[in-house]
């Protein structure tokens, strides 16, 4: 069974850094676009960042550009999100996601384009 499991969330202060990880199992996602989304209470799920199967191309939401870095380690079947200079508005549950179709890019900000999801990890940033 395909599985994505996030880890690394927590409570931090504004300006701090945090690294989220997403471990995959059950199938290979080595040919899949993967991404991070987040959802704050009372708000819709929003796109954060995406990365191609090779890791050679990345894309970020304007709100996190310059502060977050997405990466993946294909040998370890993991994806990470390095978050720096965190702000209270970054507070949300963070989800990793993966596409089922191989070598598929485009519309990477659309959550409907992702077939597999983790259970989420909470990030809380205090001011």
N, C-alpha and C. Protein backbone atom coordinates (compact mmCIF):
# COMPACT_ATOMS: atom_id res chain seq x y z
N UNK A 1 0.85 -1.19 0.00
CA UNK A 1 0.00 0.00 0.00
C UNK A 1 0.88 1.24 0.00
N UNK A 2 0.56 2.16 -0.90
CA UNK A 2 1.34 3.38 -0.98
C UNK A 2 1.15 4.23 0.28
N UNK A 3 2.23 4.78 0.74
CA UNK A 3 2.14 5.55 1.97
C UNK A 3 3.11 6.71 1.96
N UNK A 4 2.64 7.86 2.42
CA UNK A 4 3.48 9.03 2.63
C UNK A 4 3.35 9.42 4.09
N UNK A 5 4.46 9.62 4.75
CA UNK A 5 4.44 9.94 6.18
C UNK A 5 5.31 11.16 6.43
N UNK A 6 4.67 12.21 6.93
CA UNK A 6 5.40 13.44 7.24
C UNK A 6 5.93 13.41 8.67
N UNK A 7 6.99 14.15 8.88
CA UNK A 7 7.55 14.31 10.23
C UNK A 7 8.29 15.64 10.29
N UNK A 8 8.58 16.08 11.50
CA UNK A 8 9.39 17.27 11.68
C UNK A 8 8.65 18.51 12.11
N UNK A 9 7.33 18.43 12.21
CA UNK A 9 6.57 19.60 12.64
C UNK A 9 6.82 19.90 14.11
N UNK A 10 6.35 21.07 14.53
CA UNK A 10 6.51 21.45 15.91
C UNK A 10 6.12 22.88 16.17
N UNK A 11 6.42 23.32 17.39
CA UNK A 11 6.14 24.69 17.82
C UNK A 11 7.46 25.47 17.83
N UNK A 12 7.51 26.54 17.07
CA UNK A 12 8.72 27.37 17.01
C UNK A 12 8.34 28.84 17.13
N UNK A 13 9.34 29.67 17.29
CA UNK A 13 9.11 31.11 17.34
C UNK A 13 9.35 31.74 15.97
N UNK A 14 8.76 32.89 15.78
CA UNK A 14 8.97 33.61 14.53
C UNK A 14 10.46 33.83 14.30
N UNK A 15 10.89 33.59 13.07
CA UNK A 15 12.29 33.73 12.72
C UNK A 15 13.08 32.44 12.80
N UNK A 16 12.51 31.43 13.42
CA UNK A 16 13.18 30.14 13.55
C UNK A 16 13.11 29.35 12.25
N UNK A 17 13.82 28.23 12.24
CA UNK A 17 13.81 27.32 11.10
C UNK A 17 13.28 25.96 11.53
N UNK A 18 12.79 25.23 10.54
CA UNK A 18 12.25 23.89 10.77
C UNK A 18 12.40 23.10 9.49
N UNK A 19 12.65 21.81 9.62
CA UNK A 19 12.77 20.95 8.45
C UNK A 19 11.73 19.85 8.52
N UNK A 20 10.89 19.79 7.51
CA UNK A 20 9.90 18.73 7.40
C UNK A 20 10.43 17.65 6.47
N UNK A 21 10.07 16.41 6.77
CA UNK A 21 10.44 15.29 5.92
C UNK A 21 9.20 14.49 5.55
N UNK A 22 9.28 13.87 4.40
CA UNK A 22 8.20 13.01 3.92
C UNK A 22 8.83 11.70 3.47
N UNK A 23 8.51 10.64 4.16
CA UNK A 23 9.01 9.31 3.82
C UNK A 23 7.96 8.58 3.00
N UNK A 24 8.40 7.91 1.95
CA UNK A 24 7.48 7.19 1.08
C UNK A 24 7.72 5.70 1.17
N UNK A 25 6.67 4.94 0.95
CA UNK A 25 6.80 3.49 0.95
C UNK A 25 5.65 2.89 0.17
N UNK A 26 5.79 1.64 -0.16
CA UNK A 26 4.72 0.93 -0.83
C UNK A 26 4.81 0.93 -2.34
N UNK A 27 5.46 1.91 -2.90
CA UNK A 27 5.70 1.98 -4.34
C UNK A 27 6.79 3.01 -4.56
N UNK A 28 7.32 3.01 -5.74
CA UNK A 28 8.34 4.00 -6.02
C UNK A 28 7.69 5.29 -6.51
N UNK A 29 8.16 6.39 -6.00
CA UNK A 29 7.71 7.69 -6.48
C UNK A 29 8.84 8.39 -7.22
N UNK A 30 9.79 7.61 -7.67
CA UNK A 30 10.98 8.19 -8.29
C UNK A 30 10.68 8.90 -9.60
N UNK A 31 9.54 8.60 -10.21
CA UNK A 31 9.17 9.26 -11.46
C UNK A 31 8.03 10.25 -11.26
N UNK A 32 7.72 10.55 -10.01
CA UNK A 32 6.56 11.38 -9.69
C UNK A 32 6.94 12.79 -9.26
N UNK A 33 6.15 13.73 -9.73
CA UNK A 33 6.20 15.06 -9.13
C UNK A 33 5.67 14.96 -7.71
N UNK A 34 6.34 15.62 -6.79
CA UNK A 34 5.89 15.63 -5.40
C UNK A 34 5.77 17.07 -4.93
N UNK A 35 4.95 17.27 -3.90
CA UNK A 35 4.75 18.63 -3.44
C UNK A 35 4.38 18.71 -1.97
N UNK A 36 4.40 19.93 -1.48
CA UNK A 36 3.95 20.24 -0.12
C UNK A 36 2.77 21.21 -0.20
N UNK A 37 1.78 20.92 0.60
CA UNK A 37 0.63 21.79 0.75
C UNK A 37 0.45 22.07 2.23
N UNK A 38 -0.33 23.08 2.55
CA UNK A 38 -0.62 23.36 3.95
C UNK A 38 -2.05 23.84 4.11
N UNK A 39 -2.56 23.65 5.29
CA UNK A 39 -3.93 24.08 5.57
C UNK A 39 -4.01 24.63 6.99
N UNK A 40 -4.39 25.88 7.07
CA UNK A 40 -4.59 26.53 8.36
C UNK A 40 -6.05 26.37 8.76
N UNK A 41 -6.34 26.44 10.05
CA UNK A 41 -7.74 26.30 10.50
C UNK A 41 -8.65 27.30 9.83
N UNK A 42 -9.75 26.80 9.30
CA UNK A 42 -10.73 27.68 8.67
C UNK A 42 -10.38 28.14 7.27
N UNK A 43 -9.27 27.63 6.74
CA UNK A 43 -8.83 28.04 5.40
C UNK A 43 -8.72 26.84 4.48
N UNK A 44 -8.72 27.12 3.19
CA UNK A 44 -8.55 26.06 2.21
C UNK A 44 -7.10 25.58 2.20
N UNK A 45 -6.92 24.36 1.73
CA UNK A 45 -5.56 23.85 1.55
C UNK A 45 -4.87 24.65 0.46
N UNK A 46 -3.63 25.03 0.69
CA UNK A 46 -2.92 25.84 -0.29
C UNK A 46 -1.57 25.22 -0.65
N UNK A 47 -1.17 25.48 -1.85
CA UNK A 47 0.10 25.00 -2.37
C UNK A 47 1.26 25.71 -1.70
N UNK A 48 2.32 24.95 -1.43
CA UNK A 48 3.53 25.52 -0.85
C UNK A 48 4.71 25.40 -1.82
N UNK A 49 4.99 24.17 -2.25
CA UNK A 49 6.14 23.95 -3.13
C UNK A 49 6.00 22.62 -3.84
N UNK A 50 6.67 22.49 -4.98
CA UNK A 50 6.65 21.24 -5.73
C UNK A 50 8.02 20.98 -6.34
N UNK A 51 8.29 19.72 -6.63
CA UNK A 51 9.58 19.33 -7.18
C UNK A 51 9.37 18.19 -8.17
N UNK A 52 10.12 18.23 -9.26
CA UNK A 52 10.00 17.18 -10.27
C UNK A 52 10.65 15.88 -9.80
N UNK A 53 10.43 14.83 -10.56
CA UNK A 53 10.95 13.51 -10.25
C UNK A 53 12.47 13.51 -10.14
N UNK A 54 13.13 14.32 -10.93
CA UNK A 54 14.59 14.36 -10.90
C UNK A 54 15.12 15.31 -9.84
N UNK A 55 14.25 16.17 -9.34
CA UNK A 55 14.70 17.21 -8.42
C UNK A 55 15.28 18.41 -9.12
N UNK A 56 15.29 18.38 -10.45
CA UNK A 56 15.92 19.45 -11.19
C UNK A 56 15.10 20.71 -11.33
N UNK A 57 13.81 20.60 -11.12
CA UNK A 57 12.93 21.76 -11.22
C UNK A 57 12.08 21.86 -9.97
N UNK A 58 11.99 23.07 -9.44
CA UNK A 58 11.17 23.33 -8.28
C UNK A 58 10.26 24.52 -8.53
N UNK A 59 9.22 24.62 -7.74
CA UNK A 59 8.28 25.74 -7.89
C UNK A 59 7.73 26.05 -6.52
N UNK A 60 7.61 27.35 -6.21
CA UNK A 60 7.19 27.79 -4.89
C UNK A 60 6.04 28.77 -4.95
N UNK A 61 5.24 28.74 -3.92
CA UNK A 61 4.24 29.79 -3.73
C UNK A 61 4.99 31.08 -3.42
N UNK A 62 4.43 32.19 -3.86
CA UNK A 62 5.09 33.48 -3.63
C UNK A 62 5.29 33.74 -2.13
N UNK A 63 4.39 33.24 -1.32
CA UNK A 63 4.43 33.51 0.12
C UNK A 63 5.62 32.86 0.81
N UNK A 64 6.23 31.84 0.17
CA UNK A 64 7.34 31.13 0.82
C UNK A 64 8.63 31.24 0.01
N UNK A 65 8.56 31.83 -1.15
CA UNK A 65 9.73 31.93 -2.01
C UNK A 65 10.84 32.69 -1.30
N UNK A 66 12.04 32.12 -1.34
CA UNK A 66 13.18 32.74 -0.67
C UNK A 66 13.33 32.32 0.78
N UNK A 67 12.32 31.66 1.33
CA UNK A 67 12.40 31.21 2.73
C UNK A 67 12.37 29.69 2.84
N UNK A 68 11.67 29.02 1.93
CA UNK A 68 11.53 27.56 1.97
C UNK A 68 12.32 26.95 0.82
N UNK A 69 12.86 25.75 1.06
CA UNK A 69 13.54 25.00 0.01
C UNK A 69 13.04 23.57 0.01
N UNK A 70 12.57 23.13 -1.14
CA UNK A 70 12.10 21.76 -1.29
C UNK A 70 13.21 20.93 -1.93
N UNK A 71 13.34 19.71 -1.49
CA UNK A 71 14.37 18.83 -2.04
C UNK A 71 13.90 17.38 -1.92
N UNK A 72 14.59 16.50 -2.60
CA UNK A 72 14.24 15.09 -2.48
C UNK A 72 15.50 14.25 -2.59
N UNK A 73 15.47 13.12 -1.94
CA UNK A 73 16.57 12.15 -1.98
C UNK A 73 15.98 10.87 -2.54
N UNK A 74 16.24 10.63 -3.82
CA UNK A 74 15.61 9.48 -4.48
C UNK A 74 16.14 8.17 -3.92
N UNK A 75 17.38 8.16 -3.51
CA UNK A 75 17.96 6.93 -2.96
C UNK A 75 17.28 6.53 -1.66
N UNK A 76 16.84 7.53 -0.89
CA UNK A 76 16.19 7.26 0.39
C UNK A 76 14.67 7.33 0.29
N UNK A 77 14.17 7.66 -0.90
CA UNK A 77 12.71 7.78 -1.10
C UNK A 77 12.10 8.79 -0.13
N UNK A 78 12.76 9.91 0.00
CA UNK A 78 12.25 10.95 0.90
C UNK A 78 12.21 12.30 0.20
N UNK A 79 11.40 13.18 0.74
CA UNK A 79 11.31 14.56 0.29
C UNK A 79 11.36 15.44 1.52
N UNK A 80 11.94 16.61 1.39
CA UNK A 80 12.07 17.49 2.54
C UNK A 80 11.62 18.90 2.20
N UNK A 81 11.31 19.64 3.23
CA UNK A 81 11.00 21.06 3.10
C UNK A 81 11.75 21.78 4.20
N UNK A 82 12.78 22.51 3.81
CA UNK A 82 13.55 23.31 4.76
C UNK A 82 12.89 24.68 4.85
N UNK A 83 12.43 25.03 6.04
CA UNK A 83 11.70 26.28 6.23
C UNK A 83 12.53 27.20 7.11
N UNK A 84 12.78 28.40 6.63
CA UNK A 84 13.57 29.38 7.38
C UNK A 84 12.77 30.65 7.56
N UNK A 85 13.21 31.45 8.52
CA UNK A 85 12.55 32.73 8.80
C UNK A 85 11.02 32.55 8.88
N UNK A 86 10.62 31.61 9.69
CA UNK A 86 9.20 31.28 9.79
C UNK A 86 8.42 32.44 10.38
N UNK A 87 7.19 32.57 9.91
CA UNK A 87 6.29 33.64 10.32
C UNK A 87 5.03 33.04 10.92
N UNK A 88 4.33 33.77 11.76
CA UNK A 88 3.09 33.23 12.33
C UNK A 88 2.09 32.79 11.26
N UNK A 89 2.09 33.45 10.13
CA UNK A 89 1.17 33.07 9.06
C UNK A 89 1.55 31.76 8.38
N UNK A 90 2.70 31.20 8.72
CA UNK A 90 3.07 29.87 8.23
C UNK A 90 2.44 28.76 9.06
N UNK A 91 1.79 29.12 10.14
CA UNK A 91 1.14 28.13 11.00
C UNK A 91 0.07 27.38 10.22
N UNK A 92 0.20 26.05 10.20
CA UNK A 92 -0.74 25.21 9.44
C UNK A 92 -0.35 23.75 9.62
N UNK A 93 -1.24 22.89 9.18
CA UNK A 93 -0.88 21.48 9.00
C UNK A 93 -0.25 21.35 7.62
N UNK A 94 0.89 20.73 7.55
CA UNK A 94 1.62 20.58 6.29
C UNK A 94 1.50 19.15 5.80
N UNK A 95 1.18 19.02 4.51
CA UNK A 95 0.96 17.72 3.90
C UNK A 95 1.92 17.51 2.72
N UNK A 96 2.49 16.33 2.63
CA UNK A 96 3.22 15.99 1.42
C UNK A 96 2.30 15.22 0.49
N UNK A 97 2.56 15.34 -0.78
CA UNK A 97 1.70 14.74 -1.79
C UNK A 97 2.53 14.28 -2.97
N UNK A 98 1.99 13.31 -3.70
CA UNK A 98 2.70 12.79 -4.87
C UNK A 98 1.70 12.47 -5.98
N UNK A 99 2.15 12.66 -7.20
CA UNK A 99 1.32 12.30 -8.34
C UNK A 99 1.50 10.83 -8.67
N UNK A 100 0.44 10.22 -9.18
CA UNK A 100 0.55 8.84 -9.61
C UNK A 100 1.13 8.73 -11.01
N UNK A 101 0.79 9.68 -11.87
CA UNK A 101 1.27 9.62 -13.25
C UNK A 101 2.76 9.96 -13.29
N UNK A 102 3.54 9.19 -14.01
CA UNK A 102 4.98 9.45 -14.09
C UNK A 102 5.31 10.62 -15.00
N UNK A 103 6.38 11.31 -14.66
CA UNK A 103 6.91 12.39 -15.50
C UNK A 103 5.84 13.42 -15.84
N UNK A 104 5.06 13.79 -14.86
CA UNK A 104 3.97 14.74 -15.05
C UNK A 104 4.27 16.03 -14.30
N UNK A 105 4.38 17.11 -15.04
CA UNK A 105 4.60 18.43 -14.46
C UNK A 105 3.50 19.33 -15.01
N UNK A 106 3.42 20.54 -14.56
CA UNK A 106 2.34 21.44 -14.96
C UNK A 106 1.19 21.34 -13.97
N UNK A 107 0.53 22.47 -13.74
CA UNK A 107 -0.58 22.55 -12.78
C UNK A 107 -0.16 22.01 -11.42
N UNK A 108 1.10 22.21 -11.08
CA UNK A 108 1.62 21.62 -9.85
C UNK A 108 1.07 22.30 -8.61
N UNK A 109 0.40 23.46 -8.77
CA UNK A 109 -0.18 24.11 -7.62
C UNK A 109 -1.57 23.59 -7.29
N UNK A 110 -2.11 22.76 -8.15
CA UNK A 110 -3.48 22.25 -8.01
C UNK A 110 -3.48 20.95 -7.22
N UNK A 111 -4.10 20.95 -6.06
CA UNK A 111 -4.09 19.76 -5.21
C UNK A 111 -4.81 18.58 -5.86
N UNK A 112 -5.72 18.86 -6.78
CA UNK A 112 -6.43 17.78 -7.47
C UNK A 112 -5.51 16.97 -8.37
N UNK A 113 -4.33 17.50 -8.68
CA UNK A 113 -3.39 16.81 -9.56
C UNK A 113 -2.55 15.78 -8.80
N UNK A 114 -2.73 15.68 -7.49
CA UNK A 114 -1.95 14.75 -6.67
C UNK A 114 -2.84 13.60 -6.21
N UNK A 115 -2.28 12.42 -6.28
CA UNK A 115 -3.06 11.22 -6.00
C UNK A 115 -2.80 10.61 -4.62
N UNK A 116 -1.66 10.90 -4.06
CA UNK A 116 -1.27 10.32 -2.78
C UNK A 116 -0.95 11.43 -1.79
N UNK A 117 -1.43 11.22 -0.56
CA UNK A 117 -1.27 12.25 0.47
C UNK A 117 -0.84 11.63 1.79
N UNK A 118 -0.05 12.40 2.53
CA UNK A 118 0.28 12.01 3.89
C UNK A 118 -0.80 12.48 4.85
N UNK A 119 -0.59 12.18 6.11
CA UNK A 119 -1.59 12.51 7.12
C UNK A 119 -1.41 13.91 7.68
N UNK A 120 -0.26 14.52 7.39
CA UNK A 120 -0.02 15.89 7.83
C UNK A 120 0.81 15.99 9.09
N UNK A 121 1.55 17.08 9.20
CA UNK A 121 2.31 17.37 10.41
C UNK A 121 2.08 18.85 10.74
N UNK A 122 1.86 19.13 12.01
CA UNK A 122 1.49 20.49 12.42
C UNK A 122 2.73 21.35 12.64
N UNK A 123 2.66 22.54 12.08
CA UNK A 123 3.69 23.56 12.31
C UNK A 123 3.00 24.77 12.93
N UNK A 124 3.48 25.17 14.08
CA UNK A 124 2.93 26.33 14.77
C UNK A 124 4.05 27.34 15.03
N UNK A 125 3.85 28.55 14.57
CA UNK A 125 4.85 29.60 14.72
C UNK A 125 4.28 30.69 15.61
N UNK A 126 4.92 30.89 16.75
CA UNK A 126 4.45 31.91 17.67
C UNK A 126 5.16 33.23 17.41
N UNK A 127 4.47 34.32 17.67
CA UNK A 127 5.05 35.65 17.42
C UNK A 127 5.84 36.16 18.61
